[in-house]
Amino acid sequence: MPHYQYNVKMACSGCSNAVTRALSKMDGVQKVDANLEKQTVDVIVSEPVSYESVLERIAKTGKQVLGGKTL
């Protein structure tokens, strides 16, 4: 299963919770781990969920994505 990691600017637990909730509602998302301290969001998905589609969903929460990668 693909594993993506995004660097997301999050100021508080409300921010990380908003990202987690939004991603958890996506079809194909298996696991979401938003780490406020590290400013990262790890997402494990099933095929065919793309890196870009997860990135778009994070952006729709209003959080700034500073970068990311496929692990």
PDB file of N, CA and C in Angstrom:
ATOM      1  N   MET A   1       0.845  -1.190   0.000  1.00  0.00           N
ATOM      2  CA  MET A   1       0.000   0.000   0.000  1.00  0.00           C
ATOM      3  C   MET A   1       0.882   1.244   0.000  1.00  0.00           C
ATOM      4  N   PRO A   2       0.531   2.221  -0.799  1.00  0.00           N
ATOM      5  CA  PRO A   2       1.313   3.466  -0.816  1.00  0.00           C
ATOM      6  C   PRO A   2       1.266   4.180   0.545  1.00  0.00           C
ATOM      7  N   HIS A   3       2.369   4.816   0.871  1.00  0.00           N
ATOM      8  CA  HIS A   3       2.506   5.577   2.114  1.00  0.00           C
ATOM      9  C   HIS A   3       3.055   6.950   1.733  1.00  0.00           C
ATOM     10  N   TYR A   4       2.282   7.972   2.035  1.00  0.00           N
ATOM     11  CA  TYR A   4       2.679   9.353   1.728  1.00  0.00           C
ATOM     12  C   TYR A   4       2.939  10.108   3.026  1.00  0.00           C
ATOM     13  N   GLN A   5       3.896  11.039   2.963  1.00  0.00           N
ATOM     14  CA  GLN A   5       4.153  11.912   4.117  1.00  0.00           C
ATOM     15  C   GLN A   5       4.174  13.353   3.617  1.00  0.00           C
ATOM     16  N   TYR A   6       3.438  14.203   4.338  1.00  0.00           N
ATOM     17  CA  TYR A   6       3.335  15.621   3.979  1.00  0.00           C
ATOM     18  C   TYR A   6       3.822  16.467   5.145  1.00  0.00           C
ATOM     19  N   ASN A   7       4.508  17.558   4.828  1.00  0.00           N
ATOM     20  CA  ASN A   7       4.882  18.549   5.837  1.00  0.00           C
ATOM     21  C   ASN A   7       3.795  19.606   5.804  1.00  0.00           C
ATOM     22  N   VAL A   8       3.017  19.677   6.886  1.00  0.00           N
ATOM     23  CA  VAL A   8       1.850  20.558   6.924  1.00  0.00           C
ATOM     24  C   VAL A   8       1.988  21.527   8.087  1.00  0.00           C
ATOM     25  N   LYS A   9       1.780  22.800   7.810  1.00  0.00           N
ATOM     26  CA  LYS A   9       1.860  23.833   8.846  1.00  0.00           C
ATOM     27  C   LYS A   9       0.586  23.767   9.697  1.00  0.00           C
ATOM     28  N   MET A  10       0.746  23.296  10.943  1.00  0.00           N
ATOM     29  CA  MET A  10      -0.384  23.153  11.863  1.00  0.00           C
ATOM     30  C   MET A  10      -0.028  23.860  13.171  1.00  0.00           C
ATOM     31  N   ALA A  11      -0.925  24.716  13.656  1.00  0.00           N
ATOM     32  CA  ALA A  11      -0.645  25.527  14.837  1.00  0.00           C
ATOM     33  C   ALA A  11      -1.144  24.908  16.141  1.00  0.00           C
ATOM     34  N   CYS A  12      -2.160  24.036  16.047  1.00  0.00           N
ATOM     35  CA  CYS A  12      -2.741  23.508  17.293  1.00  0.00           C
ATOM     36  C   CYS A  12      -3.359  22.135  17.035  1.00  0.00           C
ATOM     37  N   SER A  13      -3.842  21.517  18.092  1.00  0.00           N
ATOM     38  CA  SER A  13      -4.448  20.196  17.943  1.00  0.00           C
ATOM     39  C   SER A  13      -5.716  20.258  17.095  1.00  0.00           C
ATOM     40  N   GLY A  14      -6.389  21.398  17.109  1.00  0.00           N
ATOM     41  CA  GLY A  14      -7.557  21.563  16.247  1.00  0.00           C
ATOM     42  C   GLY A  14      -7.181  21.454  14.775  1.00  0.00           C
ATOM     43  N   CYS A  15      -6.024  21.998  14.423  1.00  0.00           N
ATOM     44  CA  CYS A  15      -5.535  21.918  13.049  1.00  0.00           C
ATOM     45  C   CYS A  15      -5.257  20.474  12.654  1.00  0.00           C
ATOM     46  N   SER A  16      -4.530  19.756  13.500  1.00  0.00           N
ATOM     47  CA  SER A  16      -4.202  18.367  13.177  1.00  0.00           C
ATOM     48  C   SER A  16      -5.463  17.507  13.155  1.00  0.00           C
ATOM     49  N   ASN A  17      -6.412  17.783  14.028  1.00  0.00           N
ATOM     50  CA  ASN A  17      -7.668  17.039  14.034  1.00  0.00           C
ATOM     51  C   ASN A  17      -8.477  17.304  12.770  1.00  0.00           C
ATOM     52  N   ALA A  18      -8.473  18.542  12.290  1.00  0.00           N
ATOM     53  CA  ALA A  18      -9.200  18.885  11.069  1.00  0.00           C
ATOM     54  C   ALA A  18      -8.632  18.127   9.868  1.00  0.00           C
ATOM     55  N   VAL A  19      -7.322  18.048   9.785  1.00  0.00           N
ATOM     56  CA  VAL A  19      -6.674  17.321   8.694  1.00  0.00           C
ATOM     57  C   VAL A  19      -6.992  15.829   8.802  1.00  0.00           C
ATOM     58  N   THR A  20      -6.889  15.299  10.000  1.00  0.00           N
ATOM     59  CA  THR A  20      -7.183  13.874  10.213  1.00  0.00           C
ATOM     60  C   THR A  20      -8.619  13.543   9.827  1.00  0.00           C
ATOM     61  N   ARG A  21      -9.563  14.368  10.258  1.00  0.00           N
ATOM     62  CA  ARG A  21     -10.982  14.131   9.935  1.00  0.00           C
ATOM     63  C   ARG A  21     -11.212  14.169   8.427  1.00  0.00           C
ATOM     64  N   ALA A  22     -10.649  15.167   7.764  1.00  0.00           N
ATOM     65  CA  ALA A  22     -10.857  15.314   6.319  1.00  0.00           C
ATOM     66  C   ALA A  22     -10.291  14.124   5.551  1.00  0.00           C
ATOM     67  N   LEU A  23      -9.109  13.681   5.941  1.00  0.00           N
ATOM     68  CA  LEU A  23      -8.484  12.569   5.221  1.00  0.00           C
ATOM     69  C   LEU A  23      -9.160  11.239   5.543  1.00  0.00           C
ATOM     70  N   SER A  24      -9.618  11.080   6.761  1.00  0.00           N
ATOM     71  CA  SER A  24     -10.271   9.830   7.160  1.00  0.00           C
ATOM     72  C   SER A  24     -11.563   9.584   6.383  1.00  0.00           C
ATOM     73  N   LYS A  25     -12.170  10.646   5.872  1.00  0.00           N
ATOM     74  CA  LYS A  25     -13.419  10.526   5.109  1.00  0.00           C
ATOM     75  C   LYS A  25     -13.182  10.143   3.648  1.00  0.00           C
ATOM     76  N   MET A  26     -11.927  10.161   3.209  1.00  0.00           N
ATOM     77  CA  MET A  26     -11.612   9.823   1.817  1.00  0.00           C
ATOM     78  C   MET A  26     -11.690   8.316   1.603  1.00  0.00           C
ATOM     79  N   ASP A  27     -12.304   7.912   0.491  1.00  0.00           N
ATOM     80  CA  ASP A  27     -12.300   6.501   0.127  1.00  0.00           C
ATOM     81  C   ASP A  27     -10.871   6.066  -0.160  1.00  0.00           C
ATOM     82  N   GLY A  28     -10.485   4.907   0.359  1.00  0.00           N
ATOM     83  CA  GLY A  28      -9.159   4.369   0.094  1.00  0.00           C
ATOM     84  C   GLY A  28      -8.106   4.735   1.118  1.00  0.00           C
ATOM     85  N   VAL A  29      -8.409   5.645   2.040  1.00  0.00           N
ATOM     86  CA  VAL A  29      -7.447   6.004   3.079  1.00  0.00           C
ATOM     87  C   VAL A  29      -7.559   4.977   4.198  1.00  0.00           C
ATOM     88  N   GLN A  30      -6.442   4.306   4.482  1.00  0.00           N
ATOM     89  CA  GLN A  30      -6.416   3.256   5.490  1.00  0.00           C
ATOM     90  C   GLN A  30      -6.053   3.796   6.880  1.00  0.00           C
ATOM     91  N   LYS A  31      -5.073   4.725   6.915  1.00  0.00           N
ATOM     92  CA  LYS A  31      -4.588   5.243   8.200  1.00  0.00           C
ATOM     93  C   LYS A  31      -4.060   6.655   8.023  1.00  0.00           C
ATOM     94  N   VAL A  32      -4.330   7.501   9.024  1.00  0.00           N
ATOM     95  CA  VAL A  32      -3.834   8.879   9.035  1.00  0.00           C
ATOM     96  C   VAL A  32      -3.162   9.123  10.378  1.00  0.00           C
ATOM     97  N   ASP A  33      -1.951   9.674  10.345  1.00  0.00           N
ATOM     98  CA  ASP A  33      -1.253  10.032  11.580  1.00  0.00           C
ATOM     99  C   ASP A  33      -0.741  11.462  11.434  1.00  0.00           C
ATOM    100  N   ALA A  34      -1.447  12.402  12.055  1.00  0.00           N
ATOM    101  CA  ALA A  34      -1.029  13.805  12.024  1.00  0.00           C
ATOM    102  C   ALA A  34      -0.223  14.090  13.287  1.00  0.00           C
ATOM    103  N   ASN A  35       1.034  14.461  13.119  1.00  0.00           N
ATOM    104  CA  ASN A  35       1.925  14.716  14.247  1.00  0.00           C
ATOM    105  C   ASN A  35       2.154  16.222  14.347  1.00  0.00           C
ATOM    106  N   LEU A  36       1.512  16.832  15.333  1.00  0.00           N
ATOM    107  CA  LEU A  36       1.587  18.279  15.505  1.00  0.00           C
ATOM    108  C   LEU A  36       3.015  18.729  15.825  1.00  0.00           C
ATOM    109  N   GLU A  37       3.712  17.980  16.663  1.00  0.00           N
ATOM    110  CA  GLU A  37       5.069  18.346  17.073  1.00  0.00           C
ATOM    111  C   GLU A  37       6.045  18.358  15.886  1.00  0.00           C
ATOM    112  N   LYS A  38       5.953  17.350  15.037  1.00  0.00           N
ATOM    113  CA  LYS A  38       6.848  17.253  13.875  1.00  0.00           C
ATOM    114  C   LYS A  38       6.309  17.983  12.651  1.00  0.00           C
ATOM    115  N   GLN A  39       5.027  18.411  12.712  1.00  0.00           N
ATOM    116  CA  GLN A  39       4.383  19.094  11.591  1.00  0.00           C
ATOM    117  C   GLN A  39       4.303  18.186  10.361  1.00  0.00           C
ATOM    118  N   THR A  40       4.030  16.891  10.601  1.00  0.00           N
ATOM    119  CA  THR A  40       3.914  15.944   9.511  1.00  0.00           C
ATOM    120  C   THR A  40       2.560  15.240   9.552  1.00  0.00           C
ATOM    121  N   VAL A  41       2.138  14.793   8.385  1.00  0.00           N
ATOM    122  CA  VAL A  41       0.931  13.974   8.263  1.00  0.00           C
ATOM    123  C   VAL A  41       1.309  12.759   7.427  1.00  0.00           C
ATOM    124  N   ASP A  42       1.234  11.578   8.037  1.00  0.00           N
ATOM    125  CA  ASP A  42       1.493  10.328   7.334  1.00  0.00           C
ATOM    126  C   ASP A  42       0.164   9.712   6.940  1.00  0.00           C
ATOM    127  N   VAL A  43       0.076   9.271   5.701  1.00  0.00           N
ATOM    128  CA  VAL A  43      -1.172   8.717   5.172  1.00  0.00           C
ATOM    129  C   VAL A  43      -0.861   7.408   4.460  1.00  0.00           C
ATOM    130  N   ILE A  44      -1.535   6.341   4.876  1.00  0.00           N
ATOM    131  CA  ILE A  44      -1.424   5.054   4.193  1.00  0.00           C
ATOM    132  C   ILE A  44      -2.728   4.845   3.443  1.00  0.00           C
ATOM    133  N   VAL A  45      -2.601   4.574   2.147  1.00  0.00           N
ATOM    134  CA  VAL A  45      -3.775   4.460   1.279  1.00  0.00           C
ATOM    135  C   VAL A  45      -3.740   3.141   0.517  1.00  0.00           C
ATOM    136  N   SER A  46      -4.907   2.759   0.010  1.00  0.00           N
ATOM    137  CA  SER A  46      -4.969   1.639  -0.915  1.00  0.00           C
ATOM    138  C   SER A  46      -4.975   2.207  -2.324  1.00  0.00           C
ATOM    139  N   GLU A  47      -4.654   1.377  -3.294  1.00  0.00           N
ATOM    140  CA  GLU A  47      -4.700   1.816  -4.683  1.00  0.00           C
ATOM    141  C   GLU A  47      -6.132   2.205  -5.004  1.00  0.00           C
ATOM    142  N   PRO A  48      -6.462   3.092  -5.830  1.00  0.00           N
ATOM    143  CA  PRO A  48      -5.604   3.957  -6.632  1.00  0.00           C
ATOM    144  C   PRO A  48      -5.560   5.392  -6.108  1.00  0.00           C
ATOM    145  N   VAL A  49      -5.540   5.586  -4.809  1.00  0.00           N
ATOM    146  CA  VAL A  49      -5.522   6.937  -4.245  1.00  0.00           C
ATOM    147  C   VAL A  49      -4.148   7.554  -4.517  1.00  0.00           C
ATOM    148  N   SER A  50      -4.140   8.700  -5.177  1.00  0.00           N
ATOM    149  CA  SER A  50      -2.879   9.324  -5.580  1.00  0.00           C
ATOM    150  C   SER A  50      -2.369  10.312  -4.532  1.00  0.00           C
ATOM    151  N   TYR A  51      -1.082  10.578  -4.628  1.00  0.00           N
ATOM    152  CA  TYR A  51      -0.429  11.578  -3.779  1.00  0.00           C
ATOM    153  C   TYR A  51      -1.129  12.919  -3.941  1.00  0.00           C
ATOM    154  N   GLU A  52      -1.436  13.270  -5.191  1.00  0.00           N
ATOM    155  CA  GLU A  52      -2.046  14.564  -5.488  1.00  0.00           C
ATOM    156  C   GLU A  52      -3.444  14.699  -4.906  1.00  0.00           C
ATOM    157  N   SER A  53      -4.227  13.623  -4.935  1.00  0.00           N
ATOM    158  CA  SER A  53      -5.588  13.705  -4.402  1.00  0.00           C
ATOM    159  C   SER A  53      -5.578  13.909  -2.886  1.00  0.00           C
ATOM    160  N   VAL A  54      -4.631  13.289  -2.200  1.00  0.00           N
ATOM    161  CA  VAL A  54      -4.509  13.501  -0.751  1.00  0.00           C
ATOM    162  C   VAL A  54      -4.035  14.919  -0.485  1.00  0.00           C
ATOM    163  N   LEU A  55      -3.084  15.386  -1.274  1.00  0.00           N
ATOM    164  CA  LEU A  55      -2.575  16.754  -1.152  1.00  0.00           C
ATOM    165  C   LEU A  55      -3.700  17.773  -1.323  1.00  0.00           C
ATOM    166  N   GLU A  56      -4.564  17.564  -2.308  1.00  0.00           N
ATOM    167  CA  GLU A  56      -5.690  18.473  -2.535  1.00  0.00           C
ATOM    168  C   GLU A  56      -6.641  18.488  -1.343  1.00  0.00           C
ATOM    169  N   ARG A  57      -6.876  17.328  -0.764  1.00  0.00           N
ATOM    170  CA  ARG A  57      -7.797  17.246   0.390  1.00  0.00           C
ATOM    171  C   ARG A  57      -7.210  17.997   1.588  1.00  0.00           C
ATOM    172  N   ILE A  58      -5.906  17.890   1.804  1.00  0.00           N
ATOM    173  CA  ILE A  58      -5.262  18.629   2.904  1.00  0.00           C
ATOM    174  C   ILE A  58      -5.395  20.136   2.637  1.00  0.00           C
ATOM    175  N   ALA A  59      -5.141  20.547   1.407  1.00  0.00           N
ATOM    176  CA  ALA A  59      -5.219  21.972   1.049  1.00  0.00           C
ATOM    177  C   ALA A  59      -6.625  22.524   1.273  1.00  0.00           C
ATOM    178  N   LYS A  60      -7.650  21.707   1.054  1.00  0.00           N
ATOM    179  CA  LYS A  60      -9.029  22.156   1.245  1.00  0.00           C
ATOM    180  C   LYS A  60      -9.349  22.453   2.710  1.00  0.00           C
ATOM    181  N   THR A  61      -8.532  21.951   3.638  1.00  0.00           N
ATOM    182  CA  THR A  61      -8.745  22.264   5.060  1.00  0.00           C
ATOM    183  C   THR A  61      -8.212  23.653   5.394  1.00  0.00           C
ATOM    184  N   GLY A  62      -7.478  24.265   4.448  1.00  0.00           N
ATOM    185  CA  GLY A  62      -6.913  25.588   4.680  1.00  0.00           C
ATOM    186  C   GLY A  62      -5.512  25.568   5.259  1.00  0.00           C
ATOM    187  N   LYS A  63      -4.968  24.367   5.431  1.00  0.00           N
ATOM    188  CA  LYS A  63      -3.608  24.258   5.970  1.00  0.00           C
ATOM    189  C   LYS A  63      -2.597  24.340   4.833  1.00  0.00           C
ATOM    190  N   GLN A  64      -1.454  24.925   5.122  1.00  0.00           N
ATOM    191  CA  GLN A  64      -0.402  25.086   4.129  1.00  0.00           C
ATOM    192  C   GLN A  64       0.470  23.835   4.100  1.00  0.00           C
ATOM    193  N   VAL A  65       0.614  23.233   2.911  1.00  0.00           N
ATOM    194  CA  VAL A  65       1.484  22.075   2.743  1.00  0.00           C
ATOM    195  C   VAL A  65       2.842  22.572   2.272  1.00  0.00           C
ATOM    196  N   LEU A  66       3.859  22.311   3.079  1.00  0.00           N
ATOM    197  CA  LEU A  66       5.211  22.820   2.793  1.00  0.00           C
ATOM    198  C   LEU A  66       6.019  21.856   1.942  1.00  0.00           C
ATOM    199  N   GLY A  67       5.558  20.629   1.801  1.00  0.00           N
ATOM    200  CA  GLY A  67       6.283  19.634   1.017  1.00  0.00           C
ATOM    201  C   GLY A  67       5.729  18.259   1.308  1.00  0.00           C
ATOM    202  N   GLY A  68       6.316  17.275   0.692  1.00  0.00           N
ATOM    203  CA  GLY A  68       5.875  15.916   0.934  1.00  0.00           C
ATOM    204  C   GLY A  68       6.665  14.932   0.124  1.00  0.00           C
ATOM    205  N   LYS A  69       6.408  13.645   0.385  1.00  0.00           N
ATOM    206  CA  LYS A  69       7.112  12.593  -0.341  1.00  0.00           C
ATOM    207  C   LYS A  69       6.345  11.286  -0.218  1.00  0.00           C
ATOM    208  N   THR A  70       6.690  10.366  -1.119  1.00  0.00           N
ATOM    209  CA  THR A  70       6.156   9.010  -1.063  1.00  0.00           C
ATOM    210  C   THR A  70       7.190   8.166  -0.348  1.00  0.00           C
ATOM    211  N   LEU A  71       6.752   7.423   0.650  1.00  0.00           N
ATOM    212  CA  LEU A  71       7.684   6.570   1.402  1.00  0.00           C
ATOM    213  C   LEU A  71       7.593   5.136   0.928  1.00  0.00           C
TER     214      LEU A  71
END
